[in-house]
Amino acid sequence: MSASAVVGAARSGIAAAAAPQQISAHFYRGGTSRGLFLRTQDFAAYNSRQRDAIICAASSPDPDGRQISGLGGGVSSLSKCAIIGSPGEGISPFYPAFPGHRHIDDVEKSKDPRNGWDVVYRFGQVPIQGTEIDWGSTCGNLVAAAAMFAIDSGSITQNTLEAFAKEPKGSYDGMYPMRIIAANSGNIVTAHIPLHRIQSRSLPDYGPNTAPSHSIHHFLQAARTGTARIAGVPGSYAPISIETPLPDRASILPSGSARNQINVAFDDGRSTAIDVSLVDCGLPVIFVSAASLLIPLDLLMAHPAELDAHALTMRLLEAVRREGAKLSEKVWTNFSPSAPKVCIVHPRTVYKSSGGDQVDQRDMDLLVRSISVGNVHRTIPATTLSAVAAASAFVGSVVDEAIALGRLISASPAPASQAKSQGKKDVQSVTVGQPAGLSTASVTLGMAGEPVGIVYMRTANRIMHGWVDVPPSQCLS
């Protein structure tokens, strides 16, 4: 083809001139997840094109699964979004209702000093090869980023932070307790995020309408640096502690029992009864032992991509997910690609992490592999980690059995699982071996030994803030 022909073909491919829509957006990592963050008040302006804006920004659908033209990362943990705002911002006669429970935008209820909340967190799982965002689940990893973003974006104002700090100008290393309500469930978690005081000639960036300033300002912001590390994330950051109160036993165990049997059909036509535990600490998780599914240990310990490629096992796990969801009417009614999740458990054993490091069995309580949106998670979702900790407190659960069997085989208790007394309650830490290394969560136990709260540590960082261009021609109709 001649040069003039190439130029002519290029010109013929030029669509009518149309300026791209610019979305004020922010990109954050929270824990081992990453997502697009938008302020409620900014995003509201897009009216009926709200879904289109997110889908286009992520570059979905992508038949090759790479999301090459957008901010999506090609796997479920890197294809997420969150809409963050103050209570009340999600209600307006000028745009469609945002997803989530209606009471989350009740300003008066949010002011309650004991049961109120400071920030509304709307999480969306963005499909890689589809177009429908799943607003019915949540992400515990991104809670850490939601807390940081709420400060960065001004949902938590400087006046609020200063009133809390009550410190003169200078350094400040306190932890701010931010109450965050999840739109999908109405559950409230508290993120304890470290603050430090900085001075700058610029005011905090609250969006494109922020007025410039030539004076030096002192203000508090979420700490960026620290020594906290989590498996699956290179480097160290400031620690953010996430505290989740748990409801009663009936809510944590949607099936009414710590252990149930389901019938699952194998590819060869055989149907067998398999023991599972269905646990809900914000998002339902079905626990199943690797042995009951005849998953070889070498496959379980291999890189997640190898298990992903094992079609027979992945079909079996999806069957477990579907049948396990039927144990609870509520879980089955809300069945979606994101929920419930499935977590394979196995007694602790030595293995090599996806980064090549050897992980000693003495440093963990059990081995786990979590399935999220049809793929093996490269680490472990925070909601699944929370459910592991809660399930460990129920005698006879699939998780409890795996921990006990691991102790029996190795003939020594795991240091991480020793309970510590904290006033009238005990705190029991559980460490899991996941593909990238070790992750730990602690469960607070009530007087009767029942789980009443979960605490885990995450880190977060802002990757970018600015605008995402969404060409009108690429938006869905």
Protein backbone atom coordinates (compact mmCIF):
# COMPACT_ATOMS: atom_id res chain seq x y z
CA MET A 1 0.00 0.00 0.00
CA SER A 2 1.36 3.40 -0.99
CA ALA A 3 1.96 6.19 1.52
CA SER A 4 -0.92 8.22 0.09
CA ALA A 5 -3.22 5.21 0.44
CA VAL A 6 -2.20 4.80 4.07
CA VAL A 7 -2.91 8.47 4.74
CA GLY A 8 -6.26 8.20 2.96
CA ALA A 9 -7.23 5.16 5.03
CA ALA A 10 -6.25 6.99 8.19
CA ARG A 11 -8.35 10.00 7.25
CA SER A 12 -11.34 7.85 6.48
CA GLY A 13 -11.11 6.43 9.98
CA ILE A 14 -11.37 9.83 11.64
CA ALA A 15 -14.77 10.27 13.25
CA ALA A 16 -16.59 13.57 13.45
CA ALA A 17 -14.87 15.89 15.88
CA ALA A 18 -16.18 15.48 19.42
CA ALA A 19 -14.47 16.56 22.59
CA PRO A 20 -14.01 13.75 25.13
CA GLN A 21 -15.86 13.90 28.40
CA GLN A 22 -13.49 14.60 31.25
CA ILE A 23 -14.25 12.87 34.52
CA SER A 24 -12.59 14.18 37.66
CA ALA A 25 -11.07 10.95 38.90
CA HIS A 26 -8.55 9.49 41.28
CA PHE A 27 -6.71 6.18 41.19
CA TYR A 28 -5.85 4.43 44.46
CA ARG A 29 -4.43 1.20 45.75
CA GLY A 30 -6.03 -0.17 48.87
CA GLY A 31 -4.56 -3.35 50.35
CA THR A 32 -4.01 -5.70 47.41
CA SER A 33 -6.73 -4.11 45.25
CA ARG A 34 -6.76 -1.09 42.99
CA GLY A 35 -9.59 1.04 41.69
CA LEU A 36 -10.99 4.24 40.24
CA PHE A 37 -12.28 6.63 42.91
CA LEU A 38 -14.87 9.33 42.27
CA ARG A 39 -16.50 11.89 44.53
CA THR A 40 -20.26 11.55 44.83
CA GLN A 41 -20.86 15.21 44.02
CA ASP A 42 -18.61 15.08 40.92
CA PHE A 43 -20.01 11.84 39.58
CA ALA A 44 -23.63 12.90 40.02
CA ALA A 45 -23.38 15.20 37.00
CA TYR A 46 -23.15 12.27 34.62
CA ASN A 47 -26.78 11.28 35.22
CA SER A 48 -27.78 8.27 33.10
CA ARG A 49 -24.24 7.95 31.71
CA GLN A 50 -22.76 7.04 35.09
CA ARG A 51 -22.29 3.37 34.26
CA ASP A 52 -20.94 4.20 30.80
CA ALA A 53 -18.35 6.56 32.27
CA ILE A 54 -16.93 3.90 34.61
CA ILE A 55 -17.04 1.12 32.03
CA CYS A 56 -15.23 3.27 29.46
CA ALA A 57 -12.66 4.51 31.98
CA ALA A 58 -11.83 0.91 32.89
CA SER A 59 -11.82 -0.20 29.21
CA SER A 60 -14.54 -2.79 29.47
CA PRO A 61 -15.62 -4.95 27.87
CA ASP A 62 -12.31 -6.28 26.59
CA PRO A 63 -12.55 -9.70 24.91
CA ASP A 64 -8.83 -10.25 25.48
CA GLY A 65 -9.26 -9.50 29.20
CA ARG A 66 -6.48 -6.88 29.35
CA GLN A 67 -8.53 -3.67 29.58
CA ILE A 68 -5.75 -2.20 27.48
CA SER A 69 -7.34 1.21 26.82
CA GLY A 70 -8.24 2.09 30.38
CA LEU A 71 -7.44 1.85 34.06
CA GLY A 72 -8.60 -1.73 34.60
CA GLY A 73 -5.91 -4.30 35.36
CA GLY A 74 -7.33 -7.40 33.69
CA VAL A 75 -8.15 -9.26 36.94
CA SER A 76 -11.01 -8.74 39.38
CA SER A 77 -8.82 -7.25 42.13
CA LEU A 78 -7.63 -4.53 39.74
CA SER A 79 -10.95 -3.77 38.06
CA LYS A 80 -12.90 -1.90 40.70
CA CYS A 81 -14.41 1.48 41.43
CA ALA A 82 -15.65 3.39 44.45
CA ILE A 83 -17.88 6.43 44.85
CA ILE A 84 -17.09 8.28 48.08
CA GLY A 85 -18.95 11.13 49.70
CA SER A 86 -20.47 12.61 52.82
CA PRO A 87 -23.89 11.46 54.06
CA GLY A 88 -26.65 13.13 52.08
CA GLU A 89 -24.71 13.65 48.86
CA GLY A 90 -26.30 10.58 47.27
CA ILE A 91 -29.79 12.08 47.34
CA SER A 92 -30.89 14.73 44.84
CA PRO A 93 -33.89 15.41 42.60
CA PHE A 94 -31.50 16.21 39.76
CA TYR A 95 -29.95 12.79 39.15
CA PRO A 96 -30.86 9.10 39.49
CA ALA A 97 -30.62 7.42 42.86
CA PHE A 98 -27.26 5.91 43.64
CA PRO A 99 -27.12 2.19 44.46
CA GLY A 100 -27.27 1.05 48.07
CA HIS A 101 -29.46 1.17 51.14
CA ARG A 102 -31.52 4.35 51.35
CA HIS A 103 -30.69 5.09 54.99
CA ILE A 104 -26.97 5.54 54.25
CA ASP A 105 -27.69 9.13 53.16
CA ASP A 106 -29.79 9.96 56.21
CA VAL A 107 -27.85 12.94 57.53
CA GLU A 108 -29.53 13.00 60.95
CA LYS A 109 -28.85 9.30 61.60
CA SER A 110 -25.26 9.71 60.46
CA LYS A 111 -24.67 12.31 63.22
CA ASP A 112 -25.38 9.80 65.99
CA PRO A 113 -22.18 9.76 68.13
CA ARG A 114 -22.47 6.04 68.80
CA ASN A 115 -24.09 4.50 65.71
CA GLY A 116 -23.45 7.18 63.09
CA TRP A 117 -21.00 7.36 60.20
CA ASP A 118 -18.75 9.93 58.54
CA VAL A 119 -18.34 8.61 55.00
CA VAL A 120 -20.53 6.74 52.51
CA TYR A 121 -18.64 4.05 50.54
CA ARG A 122 -20.26 2.77 47.34
CA PHE A 123 -18.20 -0.06 45.87
CA GLY A 124 -18.56 -1.39 42.35
CA GLN A 125 -16.98 -4.51 40.87
CA VAL A 126 -16.25 -3.57 37.26
CA PRO A 127 -16.57 -6.47 34.81
CA ILE A 128 -13.65 -7.17 32.51
CA GLN A 129 -15.59 -8.74 29.65
CA GLY A 130 -19.06 -7.42 30.47
CA THR A 131 -20.87 -4.14 30.94
CA GLU A 132 -22.89 -4.47 34.16
CA ILE A 133 -21.18 -3.13 37.29
CA ASP A 134 -21.93 -5.20 40.39
CA TRP A 135 -22.91 -2.79 43.18
CA GLY A 136 -24.15 -5.58 45.46
CA SER A 137 -20.85 -6.56 47.04
CA THR A 138 -18.04 -4.78 48.85
CA CYS A 139 -14.24 -4.70 49.02
CA GLY A 140 -12.50 -4.73 52.38
CA ASN A 141 -9.12 -3.94 50.83
CA LEU A 142 -10.35 -0.70 49.29
CA VAL A 143 -11.75 0.47 52.64
CA ALA A 144 -8.21 1.63 53.44
CA ALA A 145 -8.13 3.65 50.22
CA ALA A 146 -11.63 4.98 50.89
CA ALA A 147 -10.41 6.39 54.21
CA MET A 148 -7.43 8.07 52.58
CA PHE A 149 -9.52 9.41 49.70
CA ALA A 150 -12.14 10.84 52.09
CA ILE A 151 -9.42 13.03 53.60
CA ASP A 152 -7.70 13.83 50.31
CA SER A 153 -10.97 14.86 48.64
CA GLY A 154 -12.38 16.89 51.52
CA SER A 155 -15.28 14.62 52.51
CA ILE A 156 -13.60 14.77 55.91
CA THR A 157 -12.88 18.47 56.23
CA GLN A 158 -9.85 20.18 57.70
CA ASN A 159 -12.08 21.67 60.39
CA THR A 160 -13.12 18.17 61.43
CA LEU A 161 -9.53 16.95 61.52
CA GLU A 162 -8.34 19.99 63.46
CA ALA A 163 -11.13 19.60 65.99
CA PHE A 164 -10.01 16.02 66.50
CA ALA A 165 -6.30 16.74 66.66
CA LYS A 166 -6.35 19.86 68.88
CA GLU A 167 -2.65 20.22 68.33
CA PRO A 168 -0.52 23.32 67.62
CA LYS A 169 1.27 23.67 64.31
CA GLY A 170 3.99 21.10 63.92
CA SER A 171 4.15 17.37 63.56
CA TYR A 172 1.20 15.14 64.38
CA ASP A 173 1.14 11.35 64.35
CA GLY A 174 -2.29 10.56 65.75
CA MET A 175 -4.75 8.02 64.37
CA TYR A 176 -8.08 9.38 63.15
CA PRO A 177 -11.04 6.99 63.65
CA MET A 178 -13.16 7.30 60.49
CA ARG A 179 -16.57 5.58 60.44
CA ILE A 180 -17.35 4.29 56.95
CA ILE A 181 -20.72 2.85 55.93
CA ALA A 182 -20.87 0.27 53.13
CA ALA A 183 -23.71 1.08 50.74
CA ASN A 184 -24.42 -2.55 49.81
CA SER A 185 -25.10 -3.75 53.36
CA GLY A 186 -25.36 -0.72 55.65
CA ASN A 187 -22.54 -2.19 57.77
CA ILE A 188 -20.25 0.33 59.45
CA VAL A 189 -16.51 -0.19 59.80
CA THR A 190 -13.96 2.07 61.46
CA ALA A 191 -10.70 2.84 59.69
CA HIS A 192 -8.00 4.12 62.02
CA ILE A 193 -5.86 6.19 59.68
CA PRO A 194 -2.64 7.97 60.72
CA LEU A 195 -2.43 11.72 60.19
CA HIS A 196 0.50 14.06 59.90
CA ARG A 197 0.70 17.81 59.66
CA ILE A 198 2.35 19.36 56.63
CA GLN A 199 2.89 22.85 55.34
CA SER A 200 2.41 23.90 51.74
CA ARG A 201 1.72 26.89 49.53
CA SER A 202 -1.18 24.92 48.07
CA LEU A 203 -4.39 24.03 49.80
CA PRO A 204 -5.50 20.37 49.84
CA ASP A 205 -6.71 19.38 46.37
CA TYR A 206 -10.49 19.17 46.58
CA GLY A 207 -11.05 19.19 42.83
CA PRO A 208 -10.75 21.48 39.83
CA ASN A 209 -12.49 24.38 41.62
CA THR A 210 -9.89 24.59 44.39
CA ALA A 211 -8.70 28.17 44.65
CA PRO A 212 -4.92 28.74 44.29
CA SER A 213 -3.08 30.35 47.17
CA HIS A 214 0.25 32.11 47.63
CA SER A 215 0.34 31.79 51.41
CA ILE A 216 1.84 28.96 53.41
CA HIS A 217 -0.85 26.73 54.88
CA HIS A 218 -0.61 24.12 57.59
CA PHE A 219 -3.00 21.23 57.32
CA LEU A 220 -3.47 17.61 58.28
CA GLN A 221 -3.42 14.84 55.72
CA ALA A 222 -3.40 11.05 55.68
CA ALA A 223 0.13 9.80 56.32
CA ARG A 224 1.84 8.44 53.20
CA THR A 225 4.94 6.82 54.62
CA GLY A 226 5.45 4.16 57.25
CA THR A 227 6.92 0.74 57.96
CA ALA A 228 3.84 -1.43 57.45
CA ARG A 229 4.08 -4.17 54.83
CA ILE A 230 1.46 -6.55 53.45
CA ALA A 231 2.06 -9.63 51.31
CA GLY A 232 1.50 -8.94 47.64
CA VAL A 233 2.42 -5.23 47.81
CA PRO A 234 6.08 -4.19 47.34
CA GLY A 235 7.41 -1.56 49.72
CA SER A 236 6.21 -0.16 53.04
CA TYR A 237 3.50 2.38 53.85
CA ALA A 238 1.61 3.87 56.77
CA PRO A 239 -0.59 1.28 58.52
CA ILE A 240 -4.37 1.64 58.39
CA SER A 241 -6.24 -0.51 60.89
CA ILE A 242 -9.74 -1.64 59.88
CA GLU A 243 -12.14 -2.55 62.67
CA THR A 244 -15.35 -4.37 61.79
CA PRO A 245 -18.00 -5.07 64.44
CA LEU A 246 -19.85 -8.31 63.82
CA PRO A 247 -23.61 -8.84 64.23
CA ASP A 248 -25.18 -11.82 65.95
CA ARG A 249 -24.45 -15.47 65.20
CA ALA A 250 -27.43 -15.77 62.87
CA SER A 251 -26.04 -13.05 60.61
CA ILE A 252 -22.49 -14.42 60.61
CA LEU A 253 -23.74 -17.93 59.82
CA PRO A 254 -26.49 -17.37 57.21
CA SER A 255 -27.28 -21.10 57.00
CA GLY A 256 -27.81 -21.30 60.76
CA SER A 257 -24.92 -23.73 61.23
CA ALA A 258 -21.12 -23.65 61.27
CA ARG A 259 -21.05 -26.63 58.92
CA ASN A 260 -23.40 -27.89 56.21
CA GLN A 261 -23.46 -30.47 53.44
CA ILE A 262 -24.14 -29.74 49.81
CA ASN A 263 -24.37 -32.10 46.83
CA VAL A 264 -22.02 -31.30 43.99
CA ALA A 265 -21.80 -33.05 40.62
CA PHE A 266 -18.38 -33.87 39.19
CA ASP A 267 -17.68 -33.83 35.44
CA ASP A 268 -17.78 -37.64 35.28
CA GLY A 269 -21.40 -37.59 36.40
CA ARG A 270 -20.76 -38.55 40.02
CA SER A 271 -22.58 -36.56 42.69
CA THR A 272 -21.14 -36.38 46.16
CA ALA A 273 -21.89 -34.69 49.48
CA ILE A 274 -19.31 -32.08 50.46
CA ASP A 275 -18.97 -30.26 53.77
CA VAL A 276 -18.85 -26.46 53.60
CA SER A 277 -19.06 -23.49 55.95
CA LEU A 278 -20.95 -20.36 54.89
CA VAL A 279 -19.71 -17.28 56.78
CA ASP A 280 -20.65 -13.63 56.25
CA CYS A 281 -18.57 -10.77 57.68
CA GLY A 282 -19.74 -8.17 55.18
CA LEU A 283 -19.65 -10.44 52.13
CA PRO A 284 -20.59 -14.16 52.22
CA VAL A 285 -17.80 -16.70 51.77
CA ILE A 286 -18.14 -20.46 51.27
CA PHE A 287 -15.26 -22.45 52.78
CA VAL A 288 -14.45 -25.89 51.41
CA SER A 289 -11.50 -28.20 52.01
CA ALA A 290 -9.14 -29.05 49.17
CA ALA A 291 -9.31 -32.73 50.11
CA SER A 292 -13.09 -32.92 49.68
CA LEU A 293 -12.70 -31.63 46.11
CA LEU A 294 -9.75 -33.95 45.40
CA ILE A 295 -7.51 -30.99 44.54
CA PRO A 296 -3.85 -32.15 44.57
CA LEU A 297 -1.62 -30.22 46.95
CA ASP A 298 0.90 -29.40 44.22
CA LEU A 299 -1.85 -27.75 42.17
CA LEU A 300 -3.09 -25.85 45.22
CA MET A 301 0.41 -24.53 45.92
CA ALA A 302 1.15 -23.64 42.30
CA HIS A 303 0.87 -20.13 40.91
CA PRO A 304 -2.79 -19.00 40.81
CA ALA A 305 -2.64 -18.89 37.00
CA GLU A 306 -2.13 -22.67 36.93
CA LEU A 307 -5.22 -23.30 39.03
CA ASP A 308 -7.11 -20.79 36.86
CA ALA A 309 -6.17 -22.88 33.82
CA HIS A 310 -7.45 -26.11 35.39
CA ALA A 311 -10.93 -25.94 33.84
CA LEU A 312 -12.35 -29.00 35.61
CA THR A 313 -11.44 -27.68 39.07
CA MET A 314 -12.73 -24.18 38.31
CA ARG A 315 -16.07 -25.59 37.11
CA LEU A 316 -16.29 -27.63 40.29
CA LEU A 317 -15.60 -24.58 42.44
CA GLU A 318 -18.33 -22.64 40.64
CA ALA A 319 -20.73 -25.52 41.36
CA VAL A 320 -19.74 -25.32 45.05
CA ARG A 321 -20.37 -21.57 44.97
CA ARG A 322 -23.81 -21.98 43.44
CA GLU A 323 -24.96 -24.86 45.67
CA GLY A 324 -23.45 -23.29 48.78
CA ALA A 325 -25.33 -20.06 48.14
CA LYS A 326 -28.59 -22.00 48.27
CA LEU A 327 -27.98 -22.73 51.96
CA SER A 328 -29.28 -19.23 52.69
CA GLU A 329 -32.28 -17.60 51.06
CA LYS A 330 -30.68 -14.17 51.45
CA VAL A 331 -27.36 -15.24 49.93
CA TRP A 332 -29.09 -17.02 47.05
CA THR A 333 -31.37 -14.04 46.36
CA ASN A 334 -28.33 -11.76 46.11
CA PHE A 335 -26.24 -14.24 44.11
CA SER A 336 -23.91 -12.40 41.70
CA PRO A 337 -20.49 -12.84 40.05
CA SER A 338 -18.91 -11.17 43.10
CA ALA A 339 -20.83 -12.89 45.88
CA PRO A 340 -20.60 -15.28 47.48
CA LYS A 341 -16.92 -16.00 47.19
CA VAL A 342 -15.33 -19.44 47.62
CA CYS A 343 -12.24 -20.14 49.71
CA ILE A 344 -10.34 -23.44 49.56
CA VAL A 345 -8.67 -24.39 52.83
CA HIS A 346 -5.94 -26.90 53.63
CA PRO A 347 -3.90 -27.69 56.77
CA ARG A 348 -0.80 -25.55 57.00
CA THR A 349 2.17 -26.64 54.96
CA VAL A 350 5.43 -25.21 53.65
CA TYR A 351 5.19 -23.64 50.18
CA LYS A 352 6.76 -21.04 47.93
CA SER A 353 5.02 -17.72 47.46
CA SER A 354 4.31 -16.29 44.02
CA GLY A 355 7.37 -14.10 44.59
CA GLY A 356 9.59 -17.14 45.13
CA ASP A 357 9.99 -16.90 48.92
CA GLN A 358 9.63 -20.03 51.03
CA VAL A 359 6.84 -19.78 53.59
CA ASP A 360 7.27 -21.88 56.74
CA GLN A 361 4.26 -23.82 57.97
CA ARG A 362 5.08 -22.74 61.54
CA ASP A 363 4.28 -19.14 60.60
CA MET A 364 0.68 -19.84 59.59
CA ASP A 365 -2.48 -21.48 60.85
CA LEU A 366 -3.75 -22.79 57.50
CA LEU A 367 -3.27 -22.59 53.75
CA VAL A 368 -5.97 -20.86 51.69
CA ARG A 369 -6.78 -20.06 48.08
CA SER A 370 -9.66 -17.69 47.41
CA ILE A 371 -11.82 -17.58 44.29
CA SER A 372 -13.08 -14.14 43.29
CA VAL A 373 -15.20 -13.41 40.21
CA GLY A 374 -14.18 -16.67 38.54
CA ASN A 375 -10.44 -16.47 39.16
CA VAL A 376 -8.00 -17.45 41.88
CA HIS A 377 -7.19 -14.31 43.84
CA ARG A 378 -3.49 -13.41 43.75
CA THR A 379 -3.57 -12.73 47.51
CA ILE A 380 -6.77 -12.85 49.58
CA PRO A 381 -9.74 -10.45 49.70
CA ALA A 382 -9.98 -8.64 53.03
CA THR A 383 -13.61 -9.75 53.42
CA THR A 384 -12.48 -13.37 52.98
CA LEU A 385 -9.66 -12.89 55.49
CA SER A 386 -12.20 -11.51 57.96
CA ALA A 387 -14.46 -14.51 57.37
CA VAL A 388 -11.53 -16.89 57.99
CA ALA A 389 -10.92 -15.24 61.36
CA ALA A 390 -14.60 -15.43 62.31
CA ALA A 391 -14.97 -19.03 61.11
CA SER A 392 -11.99 -20.09 63.23
CA ALA A 393 -14.05 -19.23 66.32
CA PHE A 394 -16.81 -21.70 65.43
CA VAL A 395 -15.95 -25.21 66.56
CA GLY A 396 -16.54 -27.75 63.79
CA SER A 397 -16.39 -25.28 60.92
CA VAL A 398 -14.36 -26.26 57.87
CA VAL A 399 -11.80 -23.60 58.84
CA ASP A 400 -11.59 -24.78 62.45
CA GLU A 401 -11.07 -28.35 61.22
CA ALA A 402 -8.22 -27.34 58.89
CA ILE A 403 -6.47 -25.42 61.68
CA ALA A 404 -6.84 -28.31 64.13
CA LEU A 405 -5.59 -30.85 61.59
CA GLY A 406 -2.57 -28.69 60.82
CA ARG A 407 -1.65 -28.50 64.50
CA LEU A 408 -2.06 -32.25 64.86
CA ILE A 409 0.16 -33.02 61.86
CA SER A 410 2.94 -30.65 62.91
CA ALA A 411 2.48 -31.36 66.63
CA SER A 412 2.96 -27.71 67.56
CA PRO A 413 0.66 -24.70 67.86
CA ALA A 414 1.14 -21.82 65.44
CA PRO A 415 2.49 -18.75 67.27
CA ALA A 416 0.06 -16.53 65.37
CA SER A 417 -3.02 -18.30 66.65
CA GLN A 418 -2.46 -17.78 70.35
CA ALA A 419 -5.33 -15.95 72.03
CA LYS A 420 -4.60 -12.83 74.06
CA SER A 421 -6.74 -11.47 76.85
CA GLN A 422 -8.05 -7.94 76.36
CA GLY A 423 -10.12 -6.97 79.36
CA LYS A 424 -13.22 -9.15 79.48
CA LYS A 425 -12.71 -10.33 75.91
CA ASP A 426 -10.15 -12.48 74.12
CA VAL A 427 -8.48 -11.58 70.86
CA GLN A 428 -7.44 -14.47 68.64
CA SER A 429 -5.20 -13.89 65.63
CA VAL A 430 -5.32 -16.14 62.59
CA THR A 431 -2.59 -16.17 59.93
CA VAL A 432 -3.20 -17.67 56.52
CA GLY A 433 -0.78 -18.71 53.82
CA GLN A 434 -2.01 -17.14 50.58
CA PRO A 435 -0.33 -17.07 47.14
CA ALA A 436 1.78 -13.96 47.83
CA GLY A 437 2.69 -14.82 51.44
CA LEU A 438 1.12 -14.42 54.87
CA SER A 439 -1.91 -12.38 55.93
CA THR A 440 -3.26 -11.98 59.46
CA ALA A 441 -6.58 -10.89 60.94
CA SER A 442 -7.69 -10.84 64.56
CA VAL A 443 -11.10 -11.81 65.89
CA THR A 444 -12.43 -10.43 69.16
CA LEU A 445 -14.35 -13.03 71.14
CA GLY A 446 -17.24 -12.30 73.47
CA MET A 447 -17.89 -13.80 76.88
CA ALA A 448 -19.34 -16.98 75.36
CA GLY A 449 -16.50 -17.32 72.87
CA GLU A 450 -18.54 -15.99 69.94
CA PRO A 451 -16.87 -13.63 67.43
CA VAL A 452 -17.92 -10.01 67.99
CA GLY A 453 -15.39 -8.09 65.90
CA ILE A 454 -12.63 -8.34 63.30
CA VAL A 455 -9.47 -6.24 63.03
CA TYR A 456 -6.98 -6.32 60.19
CA MET A 457 -4.27 -4.01 58.89
CA ARG A 458 -4.01 -2.67 55.34
CA THR A 459 -2.05 0.06 53.58
CA ALA A 460 -3.05 2.43 50.79
CA ASN A 461 -1.61 5.00 48.43
CA ARG A 462 -2.84 7.46 45.83
CA ILE A 463 -1.47 6.64 42.39
CA MET A 464 -2.87 9.60 40.45
CA HIS A 465 -5.50 12.29 40.49
CA GLY A 466 -6.73 14.31 37.55
CA TRP A 467 -9.18 13.57 34.74
CA VAL A 468 -10.09 10.51 32.76
CA ASP A 469 -10.97 11.13 29.11
CA VAL A 470 -14.02 9.23 27.92
CA PRO A 471 -14.57 9.65 24.16
CA PRO A 472 -18.33 9.90 23.47
CA SER A 473 -17.99 7.47 20.58
CA GLN A 474 -16.72 4.77 22.92
CA CYS A 475 -19.42 5.18 25.54
CA LEU A 476 -22.27 2.71 25.57
CA SER A 477 -25.59 3.83 24.18
